[in-house]
Every structure is written in C-alpha cells, then in structure tokens.
Amino acid sequence: MKTIKSLRDIIAKVIRGILIGWAVILAGLAIIPCLLQLGFMAVLLLVSLLYNPKVDVTSPASQYLAESVLRDCNIGTGRLKKVRHGYKTMPSFHGDHFGAYAIEISDVDVSALTPERGWTRGDQMSGETENSVWGAIQWFKGKVKWFPGGHELKSADMFVYSPPQKKEWDFSVVLLRLSDKMVFYLYVQT
C-alpha cells in the first residue's frame, strides 16, 4: 500500500511539474511579445523626440542637392548663392518622407524659363501640373512656413518646373520666384 501511495505522489508531482511548465511557457508566450512591442514603441518614441526635421543647409549634401536641382531644372550650374532653408521628415517604416529646400541664386535668365525647357509661369499654369503642385503644397501646408503658399503660386512672378516622375507615387516640383531669385524645391518619396 505504501508503494502505491508513493507512486501516486510521484505521478502527482510529475503532473504538477508538467502543468507548471506549461503555465510558464504560456505566460512567456503572452508576455514576451508585449515586452517586445513596448520596447519597440519606446525606441520609436525616443527617435522621434530626438529627430530634428531642420536640415543643415551648410552641409556638403545640401549644397550638392541644391546644385543638382538647379542643373536638372535647366537653371544652370554656378548660380547657387546660398541654401537658405531645408526641411526633411523622418522616413516612415517603409521609407516614405518628404523634404523642402529654399535656394537663393545669383541670377536668372528669364528667356530660359520656357515650356520647352519644362517651365510654366504661375499665372499660366493649368491641368495636371496645377493640380499636382496645389496638392503638394496643401499636403504639407503649415509644416514649412517659408515655402510659398497657394496665393503666390498663381502670379507672373512665380515659375513652376515639374520634372518627369521616376516612380508612380514619387513627386517633386521646383518653384522659382523672380522677385528675389529664390528657388524652392519640394519632393515626396514613397
């Protein structure tokens, strides 16, 4: 009888151990994902608090970007006077972000700002170009105070260059304000 009782005790201890083991495993399966998610959210919060959307406009990267914008939109090289402002959002998980720059140039050859070279005067803008530019400006309105607003866009003082898009959802536009020789560049990458 004593052997049967001790055998029952051993079996009960083994079953109890198995149940405790399964309880620990199930608790771990529930807790570990929660802890990982909390850690991931803490890292994202910290990164977003430390991220500064203002761009160092004196950096070689900003200078190179400004020169390439001027070259690509047929304004020409060697006209860069100063990059005044820069703004770039933090890329999302998928890499989506947008940026904007204000570039002061030394001179403007108005005769080169023709539709054949990709330029449209603001007060003559219509159709798809107008819709795209208005949409882009409205999309980040208020985030970049120094970027020209909609009221400036439809004037004879503003010229618009909208380069061919490389991807379906990417977008960029260049605005040139004649009165102060400022070039504004906006891009959206998705």
Protein backbone atom coordinates (compact mmCIF):
# COMPACT_ATOMS: atom_id res chain seq x y z
CA MET A 1 0.00 0.00 0.00
CA LYS A 2 2.83 2.31 0.85
CA THR A 3 4.36 1.79 -2.62
CA ILE A 4 1.09 2.65 -4.34
CA LYS A 5 0.75 5.84 -2.27
CA SER A 6 4.36 6.88 -3.03
CA LEU A 7 3.78 6.04 -6.73
CA ARG A 8 0.67 8.28 -6.68
CA ASP A 9 2.72 11.05 -5.06
CA ILE A 10 5.41 10.74 -7.75
CA ILE A 11 2.81 10.81 -10.56
CA ALA A 12 1.05 13.78 -8.94
CA LYS A 13 4.39 15.64 -8.68
CA VAL A 14 5.22 14.88 -12.34
CA ILE A 15 1.76 16.06 -13.48
CA ARG A 16 2.04 19.16 -11.30
CA GLY A 17 5.52 19.86 -12.77
CA ILE A 18 4.21 19.44 -16.32
CA LEU A 19 1.27 21.78 -15.61
CA ILE A 20 3.55 24.40 -14.04
CA GLY A 21 5.94 24.07 -17.01
CA TRP A 22 3.10 24.61 -19.48
CA ALA A 23 1.81 27.57 -17.45
CA VAL A 24 5.28 29.17 -17.54
CA ILE A 25 5.58 28.57 -21.30
CA LEU A 26 2.11 30.01 -22.00
CA ALA A 27 2.79 33.03 -19.78
CA GLY A 28 6.09 33.58 -21.59
CA LEU A 29 4.35 33.37 -24.96
CA ALA A 30 1.93 36.07 -23.81
CA ILE A 31 4.43 38.34 -22.02
CA ILE A 32 7.40 38.29 -24.44
CA PRO A 33 5.52 39.80 -27.42
CA CYS A 34 4.10 42.50 -25.14
CA LEU A 35 7.57 43.35 -23.85
CA LEU A 36 9.00 43.41 -27.37
CA GLN A 37 6.21 45.69 -28.54
CA LEU A 38 6.70 48.04 -25.58
CA GLY A 39 10.44 48.15 -26.29
CA PHE A 40 9.86 48.88 -29.98
CA MET A 41 7.42 51.68 -29.12
CA ALA A 42 9.90 53.15 -26.61
CA VAL A 43 12.65 53.19 -29.27
CA LEU A 44 10.31 54.86 -31.81
CA LEU A 45 9.28 57.47 -29.26
CA LEU A 46 12.89 58.22 -28.36
CA VAL A 47 13.94 58.51 -32.00
CA SER A 48 11.01 60.79 -32.84
CA LEU A 49 11.83 63.04 -29.87
CA LEU A 50 15.47 63.31 -30.90
CA TYR A 51 14.77 63.77 -34.65
CA ASN A 52 15.15 67.31 -35.94
CA PRO A 53 13.42 67.97 -39.28
CA LYS A 54 15.56 71.04 -40.00
CA VAL A 55 18.38 70.27 -42.39
CA ASP A 56 21.93 71.60 -42.03
CA VAL A 57 21.90 73.79 -45.14
CA THR A 58 25.66 74.33 -44.97
CA SER A 59 26.46 70.62 -45.26
CA PRO A 60 28.05 69.31 -48.46
CA ALA A 61 24.97 67.11 -49.02
CA SER A 62 22.65 70.15 -49.01
CA GLN A 63 24.98 72.06 -51.32
CA TYR A 64 25.17 69.11 -53.71
CA LEU A 65 21.40 68.69 -53.69
CA ALA A 66 20.92 72.41 -54.47
CA GLU A 67 23.40 72.31 -57.36
CA SER A 68 21.78 69.19 -58.82
CA VAL A 69 18.29 70.74 -58.55
CA LEU A 70 19.50 73.83 -60.42
CA ARG A 71 21.18 71.68 -63.08
CA ASP A 72 18.25 69.29 -63.50
CA CYS A 73 15.64 72.01 -63.93
CA ASN A 74 17.65 73.87 -66.58
CA ILE A 75 18.59 76.89 -64.47
CA GLY A 76 22.26 76.04 -64.84
CA THR A 77 25.21 75.42 -62.58
CA GLY A 78 27.30 78.05 -60.88
CA ARG A 79 24.31 80.17 -59.89
CA LEU A 80 23.95 78.87 -56.35
CA LYS A 81 24.33 81.75 -53.91
CA LYS A 82 23.10 80.13 -50.68
CA VAL A 83 20.83 77.37 -49.42
CA ARG A 84 18.56 79.32 -47.06
CA HIS A 85 16.31 76.64 -45.56
CA GLY A 86 15.93 72.88 -45.52
CA TYR A 87 13.34 70.54 -44.03
CA LYS A 88 13.09 66.77 -44.20
CA THR A 89 10.68 64.47 -42.40
CA MET A 90 11.83 61.33 -40.69
CA PRO A 91 11.36 58.34 -43.02
CA SER A 92 8.49 56.08 -42.08
CA PHE A 93 8.91 52.33 -41.64
CA HIS A 94 8.53 51.96 -45.43
CA GLY A 95 10.92 54.85 -46.21
CA ASP A 96 8.23 57.42 -47.12
CA HIS A 97 9.30 61.00 -46.47
CA PHE A 98 9.30 64.48 -47.92
CA GLY A 99 11.69 67.37 -48.00
CA ALA A 100 11.74 71.01 -49.00
CA TYR A 101 14.55 73.47 -49.65
CA ALA A 102 14.84 77.21 -50.28
CA ILE A 103 17.78 78.08 -52.52
CA GLU A 104 18.94 81.60 -53.32
CA ILE A 105 20.54 82.03 -56.74
CA SER A 106 22.71 84.83 -58.13
CA ASP A 107 20.87 85.49 -61.38
CA VAL A 108 18.02 84.26 -63.55
CA ASP A 109 17.87 84.02 -67.32
CA VAL A 110 14.13 84.55 -67.85
CA SER A 111 14.41 83.64 -71.54
CA ALA A 112 15.37 80.09 -70.49
CA LEU A 113 12.17 79.61 -68.46
CA THR A 114 10.11 78.26 -71.35
CA PRO A 115 7.60 75.41 -71.63
CA GLU A 116 10.04 73.62 -73.96
CA ARG A 117 12.52 73.53 -71.08
CA GLY A 118 9.84 72.37 -68.59
CA TRP A 119 8.89 75.75 -67.07
CA THR A 120 5.41 77.25 -66.75
CA ARG A 121 4.64 80.72 -65.46
CA GLY A 122 2.49 80.53 -62.35
CA ASP A 123 -0.41 82.55 -63.74
CA GLN A 124 -0.46 80.32 -66.86
CA MET A 125 -0.39 77.02 -65.01
CA SER A 126 -3.29 74.63 -65.58
CA GLY A 127 -4.27 70.98 -65.76
CA GLU A 128 -2.24 68.20 -64.21
CA THR A 129 0.71 70.43 -63.29
CA GLU A 130 -1.50 72.84 -61.39
CA ASN A 131 -3.32 70.03 -59.57
CA SER A 132 -0.06 68.32 -58.61
CA VAL A 133 1.56 71.50 -57.33
CA TRP A 134 -1.53 72.60 -55.40
CA GLY A 135 -1.87 69.13 -53.91
CA ALA A 136 1.76 69.04 -52.80
CA ILE A 137 1.62 72.48 -51.24
CA GLN A 138 -1.62 71.70 -49.42
CA TRP A 139 -0.20 68.36 -48.23
CA PHE A 140 2.43 69.97 -46.05
CA LYS A 141 0.89 73.39 -45.54
CA GLY A 142 1.86 74.77 -42.15
CA LYS A 143 4.82 72.45 -41.63
CA VAL A 144 7.20 74.63 -43.64
CA LYS A 145 6.38 78.31 -43.09
CA TRP A 146 8.97 79.67 -45.54
CA PHE A 147 7.68 77.69 -48.55
CA PRO A 148 5.46 79.73 -50.91
CA GLY A 149 1.75 79.32 -50.36
CA GLY A 150 -1.07 78.95 -52.85
CA HIS A 151 -1.66 82.69 -53.20
CA GLU A 152 1.88 83.22 -54.55
CA LEU A 153 1.67 80.31 -56.94
CA LYS A 154 -0.71 81.88 -59.47
CA SER A 155 1.37 85.02 -60.11
CA ALA A 156 3.53 86.17 -63.02
CA ASP A 157 6.45 86.38 -60.56
CA MET A 158 6.46 82.60 -60.00
CA PHE A 159 7.63 79.93 -62.44
CA VAL A 160 6.95 76.23 -61.94
CA TYR A 161 9.07 73.29 -63.08
CA SER A 162 7.65 69.83 -62.59
CA PRO A 163 10.16 67.18 -63.66
CA PRO A 164 9.08 63.80 -65.01
CA GLN A 165 8.38 61.43 -62.13
CA LYS A 166 10.59 58.36 -61.75
CA LYS A 167 8.04 56.33 -59.79
CA GLU A 168 4.27 56.49 -59.78
CA TRP A 169 3.96 57.86 -56.24
CA ASP A 170 7.13 60.00 -56.09
CA PHE A 171 6.71 63.68 -56.75
CA SER A 172 8.92 66.74 -56.97
CA VAL A 173 8.41 70.33 -58.01
CA VAL A 174 10.65 73.36 -58.36
CA LEU A 175 9.32 76.89 -57.94
CA LEU A 176 11.27 79.97 -58.98
CA ARG A 177 10.30 83.37 -57.61
CA LEU A 178 11.79 86.05 -59.86
CA SER A 179 11.48 89.00 -57.46
CA ASP A 180 14.09 87.71 -55.00
CA LYS A 181 15.75 84.98 -57.12
CA MET A 182 14.63 82.19 -54.80
CA VAL A 183 14.24 78.60 -55.93
CA PHE A 184 12.00 76.35 -53.84
CA TYR A 185 12.34 72.60 -54.18
CA LEU A 186 9.85 70.10 -52.80
CA TYR A 187 9.98 66.32 -53.09
CA VAL A 188 7.87 63.45 -51.82
CA GLN A 189 9.31 59.93 -51.87
CA THR A 190 7.21 56.87 -51.20
